[in-house]
Amino acid sequence: MSASREEFAALMAVPDSSLARAALLMGLESD
């Protein structure tokens, strides 16, 4: 698993995490 996917998974496990950061981490998949 890539570092960005790991960070995304960890972020989603935390209530009230940064949705902006999560969206940008998804963006790393294409850029």
PDB file of all heavy atoms in Angstrom:
ATOM      1  N   MET A   1       0.851  -1.178   0.000  1.00  0.00           N
ATOM      2  CA  MET A   1       0.000   0.000   0.000  1.00  0.00           C
ATOM      3  C   MET A   1       0.895   1.238   0.000  1.00  0.00           C
ATOM      4  O   MET A   1       1.878   1.309   0.732  1.00  0.00           O
ATOM      5  CB  MET A   1      -0.905  -0.018   1.230  1.00  0.00           C
ATOM      6  CG  MET A   1      -1.895   1.128   1.245  1.00  0.00           C
ATOM      7  SD  MET A   1      -2.981   1.241   2.699  1.00  0.00           S
ATOM      8  CE  MET A   1      -3.902  -0.249   2.616  1.00  0.00           C
ATOM      9  N   SER A   2       0.509   2.233  -0.800  1.00  0.00           N
ATOM     10  CA  SER A   2       1.305   3.461  -0.892  1.00  0.00           C
ATOM     11  C   SER A   2       1.171   4.290   0.387  1.00  0.00           C
ATOM     12  O   SER A   2       0.227   4.129   1.165  1.00  0.00           O
ATOM     13  CB  SER A   2       0.847   4.291  -2.089  1.00  0.00           C
ATOM     14  OG  SER A   2      -0.441   4.825  -1.856  1.00  0.00           O
ATOM     15  N   ALA A   3       2.118   5.188   0.586  1.00  0.00           N
ATOM     16  CA  ALA A   3       2.109   6.046   1.773  1.00  0.00           C
ATOM     17  C   ALA A   3       0.855   6.921   1.798  1.00  0.00           C
ATOM     18  O   ALA A   3       0.259   7.139   2.866  1.00  0.00           O
ATOM     19  CB  ALA A   3       3.357   6.910   1.809  1.00  0.00           C
ATOM     20  N   SER A   4       0.430   7.408   0.630  1.00  0.00           N
ATOM     21  CA  SER A   4      -0.761   8.258   0.599  1.00  0.00           C
ATOM     22  C   SER A   4      -2.019   7.463   0.951  1.00  0.00           C
ATOM     23  O   SER A   4      -2.912   7.966   1.633  1.00  0.00           O
ATOM     24  CB  SER A   4      -0.919   8.941  -0.760  1.00  0.00           C
ATOM     25  OG  SER A   4      -1.076   8.003  -1.797  1.00  0.00           O
ATOM     26  N   ARG A   5      -2.078   6.207   0.524  1.00  0.00           N
ATOM     27  CA  ARG A   5      -3.232   5.365   0.871  1.00  0.00           C
ATOM     28  C   ARG A   5      -3.239   5.023   2.360  1.00  0.00           C
ATOM     29  O   ARG A   5      -4.297   4.984   2.989  1.00  0.00           O
ATOM     30  CB  ARG A   5      -3.246   4.093   0.039  1.00  0.00           C
ATOM     31  CG  ARG A   5      -3.648   4.344  -1.392  1.00  0.00           C
ATOM     32  CD  ARG A   5      -3.710   3.071  -2.192  1.00  0.00           C
ATOM     33  NE  ARG A   5      -4.068   3.375  -3.560  1.00  0.00           N
ATOM     34  CZ  ARG A   5      -4.702   2.548  -4.354  1.00  0.00           C
ATOM     35  NH1 ARG A   5      -5.041   1.349  -3.920  1.00  0.00           N
ATOM     36  NH2 ARG A   5      -4.994   2.894  -5.577  1.00  0.00           N
ATOM     37  N   GLU A   6      -2.058   4.792   2.908  1.00  0.00           N
ATOM     38  CA  GLU A   6      -1.965   4.525   4.344  1.00  0.00           C
ATOM     39  C   GLU A   6      -2.407   5.737   5.153  1.00  0.00           C
ATOM     40  O   GLU A   6      -3.147   5.614   6.128  1.00  0.00           O
ATOM     41  CB  GLU A   6      -0.540   4.119   4.719  1.00  0.00           C
ATOM     42  CG  GLU A   6      -0.173   2.734   4.262  1.00  0.00           C
ATOM     43  CD  GLU A   6       1.260   2.363   4.594  1.00  0.00           C
ATOM     44  OE1 GLU A   6       1.927   3.095   5.360  1.00  0.00           O
ATOM     45  OE2 GLU A   6       1.716   1.327   4.081  1.00  0.00           O
ATOM     46  N   GLU A   7      -1.944   6.924   4.732  1.00  0.00           N
ATOM     47  CA  GLU A   7      -2.345   8.145   5.438  1.00  0.00           C
ATOM     48  C   GLU A   7      -3.849   8.373   5.306  1.00  0.00           C
ATOM     49  O   GLU A   7      -4.519   8.760   6.260  1.00  0.00           O
ATOM     50  CB  GLU A   7      -1.579   9.360   4.928  1.00  0.00           C
ATOM     51  CG  GLU A   7      -1.907  10.617   5.700  1.00  0.00           C
ATOM     52  CD  GLU A   7      -1.136  11.850   5.265  1.00  0.00           C
ATOM     53  OE1 GLU A   7      -0.172  11.734   4.487  1.00  0.00           O
ATOM     54  OE2 GLU A   7      -1.526  12.948   5.718  1.00  0.00           O
ATOM     55  N   PHE A   8      -4.388   8.117   4.111  1.00  0.00           N
ATOM     56  CA  PHE A   8      -5.825   8.271   3.895  1.00  0.00           C
ATOM     57  C   PHE A   8      -6.608   7.350   4.826  1.00  0.00           C
ATOM     58  O   PHE A   8      -7.563   7.773   5.484  1.00  0.00           O
ATOM     59  CB  PHE A   8      -6.178   7.982   2.435  1.00  0.00           C
ATOM     60  CG  PHE A   8      -7.641   8.075   2.137  1.00  0.00           C
ATOM     61  CD1 PHE A   8      -8.233   9.294   1.877  1.00  0.00           C
ATOM     62  CD2 PHE A   8      -8.439   6.938   2.132  1.00  0.00           C
ATOM     63  CE1 PHE A   8      -9.593   9.389   1.614  1.00  0.00           C
ATOM     64  CE2 PHE A   8      -9.796   7.019   1.874  1.00  0.00           C
ATOM     65  CZ  PHE A   8     -10.371   8.245   1.607  1.00  0.00           C
ATOM     66  N   ALA A   9      -6.198   6.088   4.900  1.00  0.00           N
ATOM     67  CA  ALA A   9      -6.891   5.120   5.756  1.00  0.00           C
ATOM     68  C   ALA A   9      -6.831   5.550   7.218  1.00  0.00           C
ATOM     69  O   ALA A   9      -7.830   5.477   7.941  1.00  0.00           O
ATOM     70  CB  ALA A   9      -6.290   3.735   5.582  1.00  0.00           C
ATOM     71  N   ALA A  10      -5.672   6.028   7.657  1.00  0.00           N
ATOM     72  CA  ALA A  10      -5.526   6.484   9.040  1.00  0.00           C
ATOM     73  C   ALA A  10      -6.388   7.714   9.300  1.00  0.00           C
ATOM     74  O   ALA A  10      -7.018   7.838  10.354  1.00  0.00           O
ATOM     75  CB  ALA A  10      -4.059   6.792   9.332  1.00  0.00           C
ATOM     76  N   LEU A  11      -6.437   8.619   8.333  1.00  0.00           N
ATOM     77  CA  LEU A  11      -7.233   9.839   8.472  1.00  0.00           C
ATOM     78  C   LEU A  11      -8.723   9.508   8.580  1.00  0.00           C
ATOM     79  O   LEU A  11      -9.433  10.101   9.394  1.00  0.00           O
ATOM     80  CB  LEU A  11      -6.982  10.723   7.243  1.00  0.00           C
ATOM     81  CG  LEU A  11      -7.092  12.212   7.377  1.00  0.00           C
ATOM     82  CD1 LEU A  11      -6.103  12.738   8.403  1.00  0.00           C
ATOM     83  CD2 LEU A  11      -6.833  12.868   6.042  1.00  0.00           C
ATOM     84  N   MET A  12      -9.178   8.556   7.794  1.00  0.00           N
ATOM     85  CA  MET A  12     -10.590   8.202   7.803  1.00  0.00           C
ATOM     86  C   MET A  12     -11.002   7.471   9.080  1.00  0.00           C
ATOM     87  O   MET A  12     -12.181   7.404   9.399  1.00  0.00           O
ATOM     88  CB  MET A  12     -10.938   7.353   6.575  1.00  0.00           C
ATOM     89  CG  MET A  12     -10.841   8.095   5.257  1.00  0.00           C
ATOM     90  SD  MET A  12     -12.025   9.474   5.101  1.00  0.00           S
ATOM     91  CE  MET A  12     -11.155  10.867   5.725  1.00  0.00           C
ATOM     92  N   ALA A  13     -10.040   6.960   9.809  1.00  0.00           N
ATOM     93  CA  ALA A  13     -10.337   6.263  11.062  1.00  0.00           C
ATOM     94  C   ALA A  13     -10.531   7.238  12.225  1.00  0.00           C
ATOM     95  O   ALA A  13     -10.963   6.842  13.299  1.00  0.00           O
ATOM     96  CB  ALA A  13      -9.215   5.292  11.398  1.00  0.00           C
ATOM     97  N   VAL A  14     -10.235   8.511  11.986  1.00  0.00           N
ATOM     98  CA  VAL A  14     -10.314   9.530  13.037  1.00  0.00           C
ATOM     99  C   VAL A  14     -11.538  10.418  12.791  1.00  0.00           C
ATOM    100  O   VAL A  14     -11.645  11.029  11.723  1.00  0.00           O
ATOM    101  CB  VAL A  14      -9.037  10.398  13.055  1.00  0.00           C
ATOM    102  CG1 VAL A  14      -9.144  11.502  14.081  1.00  0.00           C
ATOM    103  CG2 VAL A  14      -7.818   9.548  13.290  1.00  0.00           C
ATOM    104  N   PRO A  15     -12.451  10.501  13.761  1.00  0.00           N
ATOM    105  CA  PRO A  15     -13.598  11.396  13.594  1.00  0.00           C
ATOM    106  C   PRO A  15     -13.136  12.854  13.427  1.00  0.00           C
ATOM    107  O   PRO A  15     -12.132  13.263  14.008  1.00  0.00           O
ATOM    108  CB  PRO A  15     -14.384  11.233  14.897  1.00  0.00           C
ATOM    109  CG  PRO A  15     -13.909   9.954  15.487  1.00  0.00           C
ATOM    110  CD  PRO A  15     -12.489   9.770  15.015  1.00  0.00           C
ATOM    111  N   ASP A  16     -13.864  13.588  12.638  1.00  0.00           N
ATOM    112  CA  ASP A  16     -13.579  15.013  12.390  1.00  0.00           C
ATOM    113  C   ASP A  16     -12.198  15.248  11.790  1.00  0.00           C
ATOM    114  O   ASP A  16     -11.573  16.279  12.038  1.00  0.00           O
ATOM    115  CB  ASP A  16     -13.736  15.836  13.674  1.00  0.00           C
ATOM    116  CG  ASP A  16     -15.153  15.797  14.212  1.00  0.00           C
ATOM    117  OD1 ASP A  16     -16.090  15.745  13.393  1.00  0.00           O
ATOM    118  OD2 ASP A  16     -15.319  15.808  15.443  1.00  0.00           O
ATOM    119  N   SER A  17     -11.711  14.303  10.999  1.00  0.00           N
ATOM    120  CA  SER A  17     -10.422  14.499  10.339  1.00  0.00           C
ATOM    121  C   SER A  17     -10.585  15.475   9.180  1.00  0.00           C
ATOM    122  O   SER A  17     -11.690  15.837   8.794  1.00  0.00           O
ATOM    123  CB  SER A  17      -9.872  13.162   9.855  1.00  0.00           C
ATOM    124  OG  SER A  17     -10.748  12.576   8.925  1.00  0.00           O
ATOM    125  N   SER A  18      -9.483  15.902   8.621  1.00  0.00           N
ATOM    126  CA  SER A  18      -9.485  16.890   7.546  1.00  0.00           C
ATOM    127  C   SER A  18      -9.979  16.272   6.236  1.00  0.00           C
ATOM    128  O   SER A  18      -9.281  15.465   5.613  1.00  0.00           O
ATOM    129  CB  SER A  18      -8.081  17.449   7.350  1.00  0.00           C
ATOM    130  OG  SER A  18      -8.018  18.234   6.177  1.00  0.00           O
ATOM    131  N   LEU A  19     -11.155  16.685   5.814  1.00  0.00           N
ATOM    132  CA  LEU A  19     -11.683  16.183   4.545  1.00  0.00           C
ATOM    133  C   LEU A  19     -10.888  16.746   3.373  1.00  0.00           C
ATOM    134  O   LEU A  19     -10.734  16.084   2.349  1.00  0.00           O
ATOM    135  CB  LEU A  19     -13.160  16.521   4.416  1.00  0.00           C
ATOM    136  CG  LEU A  19     -14.083  15.811   5.402  1.00  0.00           C
ATOM    137  CD1 LEU A  19     -15.525  16.254   5.179  1.00  0.00           C
ATOM    138  CD2 LEU A  19     -13.969  14.304   5.262  1.00  0.00           C
ATOM    139  N   ALA A  20     -10.384  17.963   3.531  1.00  0.00           N
ATOM    140  CA  ALA A  20      -9.571  18.556   2.463  1.00  0.00           C
ATOM    141  C   ALA A  20      -8.314  17.721   2.246  1.00  0.00           C
ATOM    142  O   ALA A  20      -7.954  17.400   1.111  1.00  0.00           O
ATOM    143  CB  ALA A  20      -9.209  19.990   2.814  1.00  0.00           C
ATOM    144  N   ARG A  21      -7.649  17.367   3.332  1.00  0.00           N
ATOM    145  CA  ARG A  21      -6.443  16.545   3.209  1.00  0.00           C
ATOM    146  C   ARG A  21      -6.786  15.181   2.619  1.00  0.00           C
ATOM    147  O   ARG A  21      -6.060  14.667   1.768  1.00  0.00           O
ATOM    148  CB  ARG A  21      -5.743  16.398   4.553  1.00  0.00           C
ATOM    149  CG  ARG A  21      -4.407  15.701   4.441  1.00  0.00           C
ATOM    150  CD  ARG A  21      -3.575  15.808   5.704  1.00  0.00           C
ATOM    151  NE  ARG A  21      -2.246  15.296   5.498  1.00  0.00           N
ATOM    152  CZ  ARG A  21      -1.215  15.986   5.008  1.00  0.00           C
ATOM    153  NH1 ARG A  21      -1.380  17.255   4.703  1.00  0.00           N
ATOM    154  NH2 ARG A  21      -0.043  15.439   4.837  1.00  0.00           N
ATOM    155  N   ALA A  22      -7.890  14.598   3.043  1.00  0.00           N
ATOM    156  CA  ALA A  22      -8.303  13.298   2.514  1.00  0.00           C
ATOM    157  C   ALA A  22      -8.544  13.393   1.010  1.00  0.00           C
ATOM    158  O   ALA A  22      -8.107  12.519   0.248  1.00  0.00           O
ATOM    159  CB  ALA A  22      -9.550  12.807   3.231  1.00  0.00           C
ATOM    160  N   ALA A  23      -9.212  14.441   0.577  1.00  0.00           N
ATOM    161  CA  ALA A  23      -9.471  14.614  -0.859  1.00  0.00           C
ATOM    162  C   ALA A  23      -8.171  14.790  -1.628  1.00  0.00           C
ATOM    163  O   ALA A  23      -7.998  14.228  -2.723  1.00  0.00           O
ATOM    164  CB  ALA A  23     -10.385  15.813  -1.077  1.00  0.00           C
ATOM    165  N   LEU A  24      -7.249  15.552  -1.068  1.00  0.00           N
ATOM    166  CA  LEU A  24      -5.969  15.748  -1.740  1.00  0.00           C
ATOM    167  C   LEU A  24      -5.151  14.460  -1.775  1.00  0.00           C
ATOM    168  O   LEU A  24      -4.440  14.197  -2.750  1.00  0.00           O
ATOM    169  CB  LEU A  24      -5.188  16.878  -1.074  1.00  0.00           C
ATOM    170  CG  LEU A  24      -5.790  18.270  -1.302  1.00  0.00           C
ATOM    171  CD1 LEU A  24      -5.114  19.291  -0.402  1.00  0.00           C
ATOM    172  CD2 LEU A  24      -5.690  18.675  -2.760  1.00  0.00           C
ATOM    173  N   LEU A  25      -5.254  13.658  -0.729  1.00  0.00           N
ATOM    174  CA  LEU A  25      -4.568  12.367  -0.746  1.00  0.00           C
ATOM    175  C   LEU A  25      -5.117  11.485  -1.859  1.00  0.00           C
ATOM    176  O   LEU A  25      -4.364  10.757  -2.516  1.00  0.00           O
ATOM    177  CB  LEU A  25      -4.704  11.670   0.608  1.00  0.00           C
ATOM    178  CG  LEU A  25      -3.849  12.263   1.724  1.00  0.00           C
ATOM    179  CD1 LEU A  25      -4.299  11.724   3.081  1.00  0.00           C
ATOM    180  CD2 LEU A  25      -2.378  11.979   1.492  1.00  0.00           C
ATOM    181  N   MET A  26      -6.416  11.557  -2.110  1.00  0.00           N
ATOM    182  CA  MET A  26      -6.991  10.823  -3.245  1.00  0.00           C
ATOM    183  C   MET A  26      -6.446  11.382  -4.550  1.00  0.00           C
ATOM    184  O   MET A  26      -6.194  10.636  -5.495  1.00  0.00           O
ATOM    185  CB  MET A  26      -8.516  10.900  -3.223  1.00  0.00           C
ATOM    186  CG  MET A  26      -9.139  10.071  -2.130  1.00  0.00           C
ATOM    187  SD  MET A  26     -10.931   9.938  -2.258  1.00  0.00           S
ATOM    188  CE  MET A  26     -11.452  11.587  -1.836  1.00  0.00           C
ATOM    189  N   GLY A  27      -6.261  12.700  -4.597  1.00  0.00           N
ATOM    190  CA  GLY A  27      -5.710  13.328  -5.789  1.00  0.00           C
ATOM    191  C   GLY A  27      -4.301  12.860  -6.117  1.00  0.00           C
ATOM    192  O   GLY A  27      -3.900  12.850  -7.286  1.00  0.00           O
ATOM    193  N   LEU A  28      -3.560  12.473  -5.093  1.00  0.00           N
ATOM    194  CA  LEU A  28      -2.208  11.952  -5.321  1.00  0.00           C
ATOM    195  C   LEU A  28      -2.215  10.681  -6.164  1.00  0.00           C
ATOM    196  O   LEU A  28      -1.220  10.344  -6.800  1.00  0.00           O
ATOM    197  CB  LEU A  28      -1.517  11.666  -3.984  1.00  0.00           C
ATOM    198  CG  LEU A  28      -0.905  12.866  -3.279  1.00  0.00           C
ATOM    199  CD1 LEU A  28      -0.431  12.467  -1.885  1.00  0.00           C
ATOM    200  CD2 LEU A  28       0.239  13.446  -4.078  1.00  0.00           C
ATOM    201  N   GLU A  29      -3.336   9.981  -6.171  1.00  0.00           N
ATOM    202  CA  GLU A  29      -3.445   8.763  -6.986  1.00  0.00           C
ATOM    203  C   GLU A  29      -3.343   9.088  -8.472  1.00  0.00           C
ATOM    204  O   GLU A  29      -2.788   8.320  -9.244  1.00  0.00           O
ATOM    205  CB  GLU A  29      -4.753   8.034  -6.698  1.00  0.00           C
ATOM    206  CG  GLU A  29      -4.823   7.450  -5.306  1.00  0.00           C
ATOM    207  CD  GLU A  29      -3.809   6.339  -5.076  1.00  0.00           C
ATOM    208  OE1 GLU A  29      -3.718   5.419  -5.916  1.00  0.00           O
ATOM    209  OE2 GLU A  29      -3.106   6.406  -4.057  1.00  0.00           O
ATOM    210  N   SER A  30      -3.876  10.239  -8.889  1.00  0.00           N
ATOM    211  CA  SER A  30      -3.818  10.595 -10.303  1.00  0.00           C
ATOM    212  C   SER A  30      -2.692  11.582 -10.601  1.00  0.00           C
ATOM    213  O   SER A  30      -2.267  11.701 -11.744  1.00  0.00           O
ATOM    214  CB  SER A  30      -5.156  11.181 -10.772  1.00  0.00           C
ATOM    215  OG  SER A  30      -5.428  12.372 -10.078  1.00  0.00           O
ATOM    216  N   ASP A  31      -2.216  12.291  -9.582  1.00  0.00           N
ATOM    217  CA  ASP A  31      -1.121  13.243  -9.777  1.00  0.00           C
ATOM    218  C   ASP A  31      -0.111  13.093  -8.640  1.00  0.00           C
ATOM    219  O   ASP A  31      -0.197  13.784  -7.630  1.00  0.00           O
ATOM    220  CB  ASP A  31      -1.660  14.673  -9.818  1.00  0.00           C
ATOM    221  CG  ASP A  31      -0.576  15.706 -10.073  1.00  0.00           C
ATOM    222  OD1 ASP A  31       0.601  15.321 -10.272  1.00  0.00           O
ATOM    223  OD2 ASP A  31      -0.902  16.906 -10.067  1.00  0.00           O
TER     224      ASP A  31
END
